[in-house]
Amino acid sequence: MTDEFPTGEGDIAWFTEVVRAHSTALVKYFARRGPRQDAEDLAADVFAVAWRRRADVPRDAVLPWLYRTAGFLLANARRKRVDVVVASVPDAGGSRVGDHPELSVLFDDELRGALASVGERDRRILLLHAWEGLDGEELAAALGVSRSGAESALSRARKRLRDAWGNRLSF
């Protein structure tokens, strides 16, 4: 059985470098959004798609393309099973509220609640920006929109998160 595209030494070298450079980022992407035991399998699925569609992967925006593909694969995986409970999303980094664990837990619970109350698209944009460090052209590529569209979407998502957080704290 032959590949859809001819496989040359350059393709293999390119793909090897893509996997080496971005596998950790993709595993973390999935681990933050679902069961950790699925993260490596889903990351492998993204790389399988990248290999099959290697002619379509923009060489100057590989990671955003991988994140976009990861988002589609995650959506497909979620349709097959129950959604991840936001409370089970792992924390990124250490305590953000000083050395007071009680305040940190309260902060984390409020943030998770606010994130749960914004739409799935807003949550995806916010997490791509905050957890994956994407902005500008990279965020635009991951979302499949223009740079100004990505900046507008991020601004709107931030506002909705602020509003949701404010509503949760003002009861």
N, C-alpha and C. Protein backbone atom coordinates (compact mmCIF):
# COMPACT_ATOMS: atom_id res chain seq x y z
N MET A 1 0.85 -1.18 0.00
CA MET A 1 0.00 0.00 0.00
C MET A 1 0.90 1.24 0.00
N THR A 2 0.62 2.18 -0.87
CA THR A 2 1.46 3.37 -0.96
C THR A 2 0.79 4.55 -0.29
N ASP A 3 1.64 5.49 0.11
CA ASP A 3 1.13 6.73 0.71
C ASP A 3 0.42 7.58 -0.33
N GLU A 4 -0.39 8.47 0.17
CA GLU A 4 -1.08 9.42 -0.69
C GLU A 4 -0.07 10.35 -1.37
N PHE A 5 1.01 10.67 -0.65
CA PHE A 5 2.06 11.54 -1.15
C PHE A 5 3.35 10.74 -1.24
N PRO A 6 4.20 11.06 -2.20
CA PRO A 6 5.49 10.38 -2.23
C PRO A 6 6.27 10.71 -0.95
N THR A 7 6.95 9.72 -0.43
CA THR A 7 7.71 9.91 0.80
C THR A 7 9.17 10.05 0.43
N GLY A 8 9.69 11.23 0.66
CA GLY A 8 11.10 11.46 0.39
C GLY A 8 11.87 11.66 1.68
N GLU A 9 13.18 11.69 1.57
CA GLU A 9 14.04 11.91 2.73
C GLU A 9 13.68 13.23 3.41
N GLY A 10 13.33 14.24 2.62
CA GLY A 10 12.97 15.54 3.20
C GLY A 10 11.70 15.48 4.03
N ASP A 11 10.72 14.70 3.58
CA ASP A 11 9.47 14.53 4.34
C ASP A 11 9.74 13.85 5.68
N ILE A 12 10.55 12.82 5.65
CA ILE A 12 10.85 12.09 6.87
C ILE A 12 11.61 12.97 7.85
N ALA A 13 12.59 13.71 7.36
CA ALA A 13 13.35 14.61 8.22
C ALA A 13 12.47 15.71 8.78
N TRP A 14 11.61 16.28 7.93
CA TRP A 14 10.69 17.33 8.40
C TRP A 14 9.77 16.78 9.49
N PHE A 15 9.17 15.63 9.23
CA PHE A 15 8.23 15.05 10.18
C PHE A 15 8.91 14.68 11.49
N THR A 16 10.09 14.12 11.42
CA THR A 16 10.84 13.78 12.62
C THR A 16 11.08 15.02 13.46
N GLU A 17 11.43 16.11 12.83
CA GLU A 17 11.66 17.36 13.56
C GLU A 17 10.37 17.93 14.13
N VAL A 18 9.27 17.83 13.39
CA VAL A 18 7.97 18.29 13.90
C VAL A 18 7.59 17.52 15.17
N VAL A 19 7.72 16.21 15.13
CA VAL A 19 7.38 15.39 16.30
C VAL A 19 8.30 15.74 17.46
N ARG A 20 9.58 15.84 17.21
CA ARG A 20 10.54 16.15 18.26
C ARG A 20 10.25 17.53 18.88
N ALA A 21 9.93 18.49 18.06
CA ALA A 21 9.73 19.86 18.54
C ALA A 21 8.39 20.08 19.23
N HIS A 22 7.36 19.34 18.84
CA HIS A 22 6.01 19.69 19.31
C HIS A 22 5.25 18.59 20.06
N SER A 23 5.84 17.43 20.26
CA SER A 23 5.10 16.35 20.93
C SER A 23 4.76 16.71 22.37
N THR A 24 5.67 17.30 23.09
CA THR A 24 5.39 17.66 24.48
C THR A 24 4.26 18.68 24.56
N ALA A 25 4.28 19.67 23.69
CA ALA A 25 3.24 20.70 23.69
C ALA A 25 1.87 20.08 23.42
N LEU A 26 1.80 19.13 22.49
CA LEU A 26 0.51 18.51 22.17
C LEU A 26 0.01 17.61 23.31
N VAL A 27 0.91 16.87 23.93
CA VAL A 27 0.49 16.02 25.05
C VAL A 27 -0.04 16.90 26.17
N LYS A 28 0.63 18.01 26.46
CA LYS A 28 0.16 18.94 27.49
C LYS A 28 -1.19 19.54 27.10
N TYR A 29 -1.36 19.88 25.85
CA TYR A 29 -2.62 20.43 25.35
C TYR A 29 -3.76 19.49 25.71
N PHE A 30 -3.60 18.21 25.38
CA PHE A 30 -4.66 17.23 25.64
C PHE A 30 -4.80 16.93 27.13
N ALA A 31 -3.70 16.87 27.85
CA ALA A 31 -3.76 16.56 29.29
C ALA A 31 -4.50 17.65 30.05
N ARG A 32 -4.41 18.88 29.58
CA ARG A 32 -5.12 19.98 30.23
C ARG A 32 -6.61 19.97 29.95
N ARG A 33 -7.02 19.25 28.94
CA ARG A 33 -8.40 19.31 28.48
C ARG A 33 -9.18 18.02 28.66
N GLY A 34 -8.54 16.99 29.13
CA GLY A 34 -9.24 15.72 29.27
C GLY A 34 -8.44 14.73 30.09
N PRO A 35 -8.87 13.49 30.06
CA PRO A 35 -8.17 12.46 30.83
C PRO A 35 -6.71 12.33 30.37
N ARG A 36 -5.82 12.35 31.32
CA ARG A 36 -4.39 12.29 30.99
C ARG A 36 -4.03 11.00 30.28
N GLN A 37 -4.73 9.92 30.57
CA GLN A 37 -4.39 8.65 29.93
C GLN A 37 -4.67 8.69 28.43
N ASP A 38 -5.48 9.64 27.97
CA ASP A 38 -5.77 9.77 26.54
C ASP A 38 -4.84 10.73 25.82
N ALA A 39 -4.08 11.53 26.55
CA ALA A 39 -3.31 12.63 25.96
C ALA A 39 -2.31 12.15 24.92
N GLU A 40 -1.55 11.11 25.23
CA GLU A 40 -0.53 10.65 24.28
C GLU A 40 -1.17 10.05 23.04
N ASP A 41 -2.26 9.31 23.22
CA ASP A 41 -2.95 8.72 22.06
C ASP A 41 -3.50 9.80 21.14
N LEU A 42 -4.11 10.82 21.74
CA LEU A 42 -4.66 11.91 20.92
C LEU A 42 -3.55 12.70 20.22
N ALA A 43 -2.44 12.91 20.92
CA ALA A 43 -1.30 13.59 20.28
C ALA A 43 -0.79 12.77 19.10
N ALA A 44 -0.72 11.45 19.28
CA ALA A 44 -0.29 10.58 18.18
C ALA A 44 -1.26 10.68 17.00
N ASP A 45 -2.54 10.80 17.29
CA ASP A 45 -3.53 10.96 16.22
C ASP A 45 -3.29 12.26 15.45
N VAL A 46 -2.94 13.33 16.16
CA VAL A 46 -2.65 14.61 15.50
C VAL A 46 -1.45 14.44 14.56
N PHE A 47 -0.42 13.75 15.04
CA PHE A 47 0.76 13.54 14.19
C PHE A 47 0.44 12.65 13.00
N ALA A 48 -0.46 11.70 13.17
CA ALA A 48 -0.87 10.87 12.03
C ALA A 48 -1.56 11.72 10.97
N VAL A 49 -2.40 12.64 11.41
CA VAL A 49 -3.06 13.55 10.47
C VAL A 49 -2.01 14.44 9.80
N ALA A 50 -1.06 14.94 10.59
CA ALA A 50 0.00 15.79 10.03
C ALA A 50 0.81 15.05 8.97
N TRP A 51 1.10 13.78 9.22
CA TRP A 51 1.84 12.99 8.23
C TRP A 51 1.02 12.81 6.96
N ARG A 52 -0.25 12.44 7.12
CA ARG A 52 -1.10 12.24 5.94
C ARG A 52 -1.30 13.53 5.15
N ARG A 53 -1.38 14.64 5.87
CA ARG A 53 -1.68 15.92 5.21
C ARG A 53 -0.45 16.82 5.17
N ARG A 54 0.74 16.23 5.17
CA ARG A 54 1.98 17.01 5.27
C ARG A 54 2.12 18.06 4.18
N ALA A 55 1.53 17.84 3.04
CA ALA A 55 1.59 18.84 1.97
C ALA A 55 0.76 20.08 2.32
N ASP A 56 -0.21 19.93 3.24
CA ASP A 56 -1.09 21.05 3.62
C ASP A 56 -0.60 21.81 4.84
N VAL A 57 0.39 21.28 5.55
CA VAL A 57 0.85 21.91 6.79
C VAL A 57 1.73 23.10 6.43
N PRO A 58 1.34 24.31 6.87
CA PRO A 58 2.16 25.49 6.56
C PRO A 58 3.48 25.42 7.31
N ARG A 59 4.58 25.44 6.61
CA ARG A 59 5.90 25.26 7.22
C ARG A 59 6.25 26.39 8.19
N ASP A 60 5.64 27.56 8.03
CA ASP A 60 5.93 28.68 8.92
C ASP A 60 4.96 28.77 10.09
N ALA A 61 4.00 27.84 10.19
CA ALA A 61 3.01 27.86 11.28
C ALA A 61 2.61 26.42 11.64
N VAL A 62 3.61 25.59 11.88
CA VAL A 62 3.33 24.17 12.15
C VAL A 62 2.56 24.01 13.46
N LEU A 63 3.03 24.62 14.54
CA LEU A 63 2.38 24.43 15.84
C LEU A 63 0.93 24.93 15.84
N PRO A 64 0.64 26.11 15.32
CA PRO A 64 -0.77 26.51 15.26
C PRO A 64 -1.62 25.53 14.44
N TRP A 65 -1.08 25.00 13.35
CA TRP A 65 -1.81 24.02 12.56
C TRP A 65 -2.06 22.76 13.39
N LEU A 66 -1.05 22.33 14.14
CA LEU A 66 -1.22 21.16 15.00
C LEU A 66 -2.28 21.41 16.07
N TYR A 67 -2.28 22.61 16.69
CA TYR A 67 -3.28 22.94 17.69
C TYR A 67 -4.68 22.96 17.09
N ARG A 68 -4.79 23.48 15.90
CA ARG A 68 -6.11 23.52 15.24
C ARG A 68 -6.61 22.10 14.98
N THR A 69 -5.73 21.26 14.48
CA THR A 69 -6.07 19.86 14.25
C THR A 69 -6.41 19.17 15.57
N ALA A 70 -5.64 19.48 16.62
CA ALA A 70 -5.90 18.92 17.95
C ALA A 70 -7.29 19.31 18.44
N GLY A 71 -7.68 20.54 18.18
CA GLY A 71 -9.01 20.98 18.58
C GLY A 71 -10.11 20.19 17.90
N PHE A 72 -9.93 19.91 16.60
CA PHE A 72 -10.91 19.11 15.87
C PHE A 72 -10.96 17.68 16.41
N LEU A 73 -9.79 17.09 16.65
CA LEU A 73 -9.75 15.72 17.16
C LEU A 73 -10.34 15.64 18.57
N LEU A 74 -10.08 16.63 19.37
CA LEU A 74 -10.64 16.64 20.73
C LEU A 74 -12.16 16.76 20.67
N ALA A 75 -12.66 17.61 19.79
CA ALA A 75 -14.12 17.74 19.65
C ALA A 75 -14.73 16.41 19.21
N ASN A 76 -14.09 15.73 18.29
CA ASN A 76 -14.59 14.42 17.85
C ASN A 76 -14.55 13.41 18.99
N ALA A 77 -13.47 13.42 19.76
CA ALA A 77 -13.35 12.48 20.88
C ALA A 77 -14.41 12.76 21.94
N ARG A 78 -14.69 14.02 22.19
CA ARG A 78 -15.70 14.39 23.19
C ARG A 78 -17.10 13.99 22.76
N ARG A 79 -17.36 14.01 21.48
CA ARG A 79 -18.68 13.59 21.00
C ARG A 79 -18.89 12.10 21.25
N LYS A 80 -17.80 11.37 21.38
CA LYS A 80 -17.89 9.93 21.59
C LYS A 80 -18.04 9.55 23.06
N ARG A 81 -17.80 10.50 23.97
CA ARG A 81 -17.91 10.20 25.40
C ARG A 81 -18.40 11.43 26.15
N VAL A 82 -18.52 11.34 27.42
CA VAL A 82 -18.99 12.43 28.26
C VAL A 82 -17.93 13.53 28.30
N ASP A 83 -18.39 14.79 28.31
CA ASP A 83 -17.46 15.91 28.40
C ASP A 83 -16.68 15.88 29.69
N VAL A 84 -15.51 16.51 29.65
CA VAL A 84 -14.65 16.63 30.83
C VAL A 84 -15.27 17.65 31.77
N VAL A 85 -15.31 17.32 33.04
CA VAL A 85 -15.80 18.25 34.05
C VAL A 85 -14.72 19.30 34.26
N VAL A 86 -15.09 20.58 34.20
CA VAL A 86 -14.11 21.65 34.31
C VAL A 86 -13.32 21.55 35.61
N ALA A 87 -13.93 21.08 36.68
CA ALA A 87 -13.23 20.97 37.97
C ALA A 87 -12.05 20.01 37.89
N SER A 88 -12.02 19.11 36.89
CA SER A 88 -10.92 18.16 36.79
C SER A 88 -9.77 18.67 35.94
N VAL A 89 -9.88 19.87 35.38
CA VAL A 89 -8.81 20.43 34.57
C VAL A 89 -7.63 20.74 35.48
N PRO A 90 -6.44 20.22 35.15
CA PRO A 90 -5.30 20.44 36.03
C PRO A 90 -4.87 21.90 36.04
N ASP A 91 -4.32 22.31 37.17
CA ASP A 91 -3.81 23.67 37.30
C ASP A 91 -2.56 23.83 36.45
N ALA A 92 -2.37 25.01 35.91
CA ALA A 92 -1.14 25.33 35.20
C ALA A 92 -0.32 26.20 36.14
N GLY A 93 0.83 25.72 36.55
CA GLY A 93 1.68 26.50 37.43
C GLY A 93 1.35 26.29 38.89
N GLY A 94 2.03 27.03 39.74
CA GLY A 94 1.86 26.89 41.18
C GLY A 94 0.78 27.80 41.70
N SER A 95 0.83 28.06 42.99
CA SER A 95 -0.17 28.88 43.65
C SER A 95 -0.11 30.30 43.10
N ARG A 96 -1.26 30.82 42.73
CA ARG A 96 -1.32 32.18 42.19
C ARG A 96 -1.83 33.16 43.24
N VAL A 97 -2.09 32.69 44.41
CA VAL A 97 -2.65 33.57 45.44
C VAL A 97 -1.74 33.51 46.67
N GLY A 98 -0.46 33.62 46.42
CA GLY A 98 0.47 33.64 47.55
C GLY A 98 0.62 32.27 48.18
N ASP A 99 0.91 32.27 49.46
CA ASP A 99 1.17 31.03 50.18
C ASP A 99 -0.04 30.55 50.97
N HIS A 100 -1.24 30.94 50.58
CA HIS A 100 -2.45 30.57 51.29
C HIS A 100 -3.23 29.54 50.48
N PRO A 101 -3.08 28.24 50.82
CA PRO A 101 -3.75 27.21 50.02
C PRO A 101 -5.26 27.37 49.98
N GLU A 102 -5.86 27.87 51.07
CA GLU A 102 -7.31 28.03 51.08
C GLU A 102 -7.74 29.07 50.04
N LEU A 103 -7.00 30.16 49.95
CA LEU A 103 -7.32 31.18 48.95
C LEU A 103 -7.07 30.66 47.54
N SER A 104 -6.02 29.88 47.38
CA SER A 104 -5.71 29.32 46.07
C SER A 104 -6.83 28.41 45.60
N VAL A 105 -7.34 27.57 46.49
CA VAL A 105 -8.44 26.67 46.12
C VAL A 105 -9.68 27.47 45.76
N LEU A 106 -10.00 28.50 46.54
CA LEU A 106 -11.15 29.35 46.26
C LEU A 106 -10.98 30.03 44.90
N PHE A 107 -9.79 30.58 44.65
CA PHE A 107 -9.51 31.23 43.37
C PHE A 107 -9.69 30.24 42.22
N ASP A 108 -9.11 29.05 42.35
CA ASP A 108 -9.21 28.04 41.29
C ASP A 108 -10.66 27.64 41.04
N ASP A 109 -11.43 27.45 42.11
CA ASP A 109 -12.84 27.09 41.94
C ASP A 109 -13.62 28.20 41.24
N GLU A 110 -13.37 29.44 41.61
CA GLU A 110 -14.07 30.56 40.97
C GLU A 110 -13.68 30.68 39.50
N LEU A 111 -12.40 30.52 39.21
CA LEU A 111 -11.94 30.59 37.82
C LEU A 111 -12.55 29.46 37.01
N ARG A 112 -12.54 28.25 37.54
CA ARG A 112 -13.15 27.12 36.82
C ARG A 112 -14.64 27.37 36.58
N GLY A 113 -15.31 27.91 37.59
CA GLY A 113 -16.73 28.22 37.42
C GLY A 113 -16.97 29.26 36.35
N ALA A 114 -16.13 30.29 36.35
CA ALA A 114 -16.27 31.34 35.33
C ALA A 114 -15.97 30.77 33.94
N LEU A 115 -14.92 29.95 33.82
CA LEU A 115 -14.60 29.33 32.53
C LEU A 115 -15.72 28.41 32.06
N ALA A 116 -16.34 27.72 33.00
CA ALA A 116 -17.44 26.81 32.64
C ALA A 116 -18.64 27.58 32.13
N SER A 117 -18.79 28.83 32.54
CA SER A 117 -19.98 29.58 32.16
C SER A 117 -19.83 30.32 30.83
N VAL A 118 -18.61 30.43 30.29
CA VAL A 118 -18.47 31.04 28.96
C VAL A 118 -18.63 29.93 27.92
N GLY A 119 -18.86 30.30 26.70
CA GLY A 119 -19.07 29.31 25.65
C GLY A 119 -17.81 28.52 25.33
N GLU A 120 -18.02 27.39 24.66
CA GLU A 120 -16.90 26.51 24.29
C GLU A 120 -15.87 27.23 23.43
N ARG A 121 -16.31 28.05 22.48
CA ARG A 121 -15.36 28.77 21.62
C ARG A 121 -14.53 29.76 22.44
N ASP A 122 -15.19 30.51 23.34
CA ASP A 122 -14.46 31.45 24.19
C ASP A 122 -13.44 30.71 25.05
N ARG A 123 -13.86 29.60 25.63
CA ARG A 123 -12.97 28.81 26.48
C ARG A 123 -11.77 28.33 25.67
N ARG A 124 -12.02 27.86 24.46
CA ARG A 124 -10.93 27.38 23.60
C ARG A 124 -9.94 28.50 23.29
N ILE A 125 -10.45 29.68 22.96
CA ILE A 125 -9.58 30.82 22.65
C ILE A 125 -8.77 31.21 23.87
N LEU A 126 -9.42 31.31 25.02
CA LEU A 126 -8.72 31.70 26.24
C LEU A 126 -7.63 30.70 26.61
N LEU A 127 -7.91 29.42 26.47
CA LEU A 127 -6.93 28.41 26.84
C LEU A 127 -5.79 28.32 25.84
N LEU A 128 -6.08 28.51 24.56
CA LEU A 128 -4.99 28.56 23.57
C LEU A 128 -4.05 29.72 23.88
N HIS A 129 -4.62 30.84 24.31
CA HIS A 129 -3.80 32.00 24.63
C HIS A 129 -3.06 31.80 25.96
N ALA A 130 -3.78 31.43 27.01
CA ALA A 130 -3.18 31.37 28.35
C ALA A 130 -2.29 30.14 28.54
N TRP A 131 -2.75 28.97 28.14
CA TRP A 131 -1.99 27.76 28.39
C TRP A 131 -0.99 27.44 27.31
N GLU A 132 -1.35 27.69 26.05
CA GLU A 132 -0.46 27.33 24.96
C GLU A 132 0.41 28.50 24.51
N GLY A 133 0.11 29.70 25.01
CA GLY A 133 0.94 30.87 24.71
C GLY A 133 0.77 31.41 23.31
N LEU A 134 -0.36 31.15 22.68
CA LEU A 134 -0.57 31.63 21.31
C LEU A 134 -1.18 33.02 21.32
N ASP A 135 -0.69 33.87 20.43
CA ASP A 135 -1.33 35.15 20.17
C ASP A 135 -0.97 35.57 18.75
N GLY A 136 -1.53 36.66 18.32
CA GLY A 136 -1.22 37.17 16.98
C GLY A 136 -1.48 36.16 15.89
N GLU A 137 -0.49 36.01 15.02
CA GLU A 137 -0.62 35.13 13.85
C GLU A 137 -0.81 33.67 14.24
N GLU A 138 -0.15 33.23 15.33
CA GLU A 138 -0.30 31.84 15.75
C GLU A 138 -1.72 31.54 16.21
N LEU A 139 -2.29 32.44 16.99
CA LEU A 139 -3.66 32.26 17.44
C LEU A 139 -4.62 32.28 16.25
N ALA A 140 -4.37 33.19 15.32
CA ALA A 140 -5.20 33.27 14.11
C ALA A 140 -5.14 31.97 13.32
N ALA A 141 -3.94 31.43 13.16
CA ALA A 141 -3.79 30.17 12.41
C ALA A 141 -4.49 29.02 13.13
N ALA A 142 -4.37 28.97 14.45
CA ALA A 142 -5.02 27.89 15.21
C ALA A 142 -6.54 27.98 15.13
N LEU A 143 -7.06 29.20 15.03
CA LEU A 143 -8.50 29.40 14.96
C LEU A 143 -9.03 29.38 13.53
N GLY A 144 -8.13 29.53 12.57
CA GLY A 144 -8.54 29.56 11.17
C GLY A 144 -9.20 30.87 10.78
N VAL A 145 -8.73 31.97 11.40
CA VAL A 145 -9.27 33.30 11.11
C VAL A 145 -8.11 34.25 10.86
N SER A 146 -8.43 35.49 10.50
CA SER A 146 -7.39 36.50 10.30
C SER A 146 -6.82 36.92 11.65
N ARG A 147 -5.68 37.61 11.61
CA ARG A 147 -5.08 38.09 12.86
C ARG A 147 -6.02 39.04 13.59
N SER A 148 -6.63 39.96 12.87
CA SER A 148 -7.56 40.89 13.52
C SER A 148 -8.78 40.15 14.06
N GLY A 149 -9.22 39.12 13.35
CA GLY A 149 -10.33 38.30 13.85
C GLY A 149 -9.95 37.59 15.14
N ALA A 150 -8.73 37.08 15.21
CA ALA A 150 -8.26 36.39 16.42
C ALA A 150 -8.15 37.37 17.58
N GLU A 151 -7.62 38.56 17.31
CA GLU A 151 -7.49 39.56 18.37
C GLU A 151 -8.86 40.00 18.88
N SER A 152 -9.80 40.17 17.98
CA SER A 152 -11.16 40.52 18.38
C SER A 152 -11.81 39.40 19.19
N ALA A 153 -11.64 38.17 18.72
CA ALA A 153 -12.22 37.03 19.43
C ALA A 153 -11.62 36.89 20.82
N LEU A 154 -10.31 37.10 20.95
CA LEU A 154 -9.67 37.02 22.27
C LEU A 154 -10.17 38.14 23.17
N SER A 155 -10.32 39.32 22.63
CA SER A 155 -10.82 40.45 23.42
C SER A 155 -12.24 40.19 23.92
N ARG A 156 -13.09 39.68 23.02
CA ARG A 156 -14.47 39.37 23.41
C ARG A 156 -14.51 38.24 24.45
N ALA A 157 -13.68 37.23 24.26
CA ALA A 157 -13.65 36.11 25.20
C ALA A 157 -13.18 36.59 26.58
N ARG A 158 -12.18 37.46 26.60
CA ARG A 158 -11.70 38.00 27.89
C ARG A 158 -12.81 38.78 28.57
N LYS A 159 -13.56 39.59 27.80
CA LYS A 159 -14.64 40.38 28.40
C LYS A 159 -15.72 39.46 28.97
N ARG A 160 -16.08 38.43 28.21
CA ARG A 160 -17.11 37.51 28.71
C ARG A 160 -16.63 36.77 29.96
N LEU A 161 -15.34 36.44 30.01
CA LEU A 161 -14.81 35.78 31.20
C LEU A 161 -14.83 36.74 32.39
N ARG A 162 -14.43 37.99 32.17
CA ARG A 162 -14.49 38.99 33.26
C ARG A 162 -15.91 39.16 33.76
N ASP A 163 -16.86 39.26 32.83
CA ASP A 163 -18.27 39.40 33.21
C ASP A 163 -18.75 38.18 33.98
N ALA A 164 -18.39 36.99 33.49
CA ALA A 164 -18.81 35.76 34.17
C ALA A 164 -18.20 35.69 35.56
N TRP A 165 -16.95 36.07 35.68
CA TRP A 165 -16.28 36.03 36.97
C TRP A 165 -16.92 37.04 37.92
N GLY A 166 -17.18 38.23 37.40
CA GLY A 166 -17.83 39.26 38.22
C GLY A 166 -19.20 38.84 38.69
N ASN A 167 -19.97 38.20 37.83
CA ASN A 167 -21.30 37.71 38.21
C ASN A 167 -21.21 36.64 39.28
N ARG A 168 -20.20 35.81 39.23
CA ARG A 168 -20.03 34.74 40.22
C ARG A 168 -19.66 35.33 41.60
N LEU A 169 -18.92 36.43 41.60
CA LEU A 169 -18.47 37.01 42.86
C LEU A 169 -19.45 37.99 43.46
N SER A 170 -20.47 38.39 42.70
CA SER A 170 -21.39 39.40 43.20
C SER A 170 -22.72 38.85 43.70
N PHE A 171 -22.78 37.56 43.98
CA PHE A 171 -24.05 36.97 44.43
C PHE A 171 -24.33 37.26 45.87
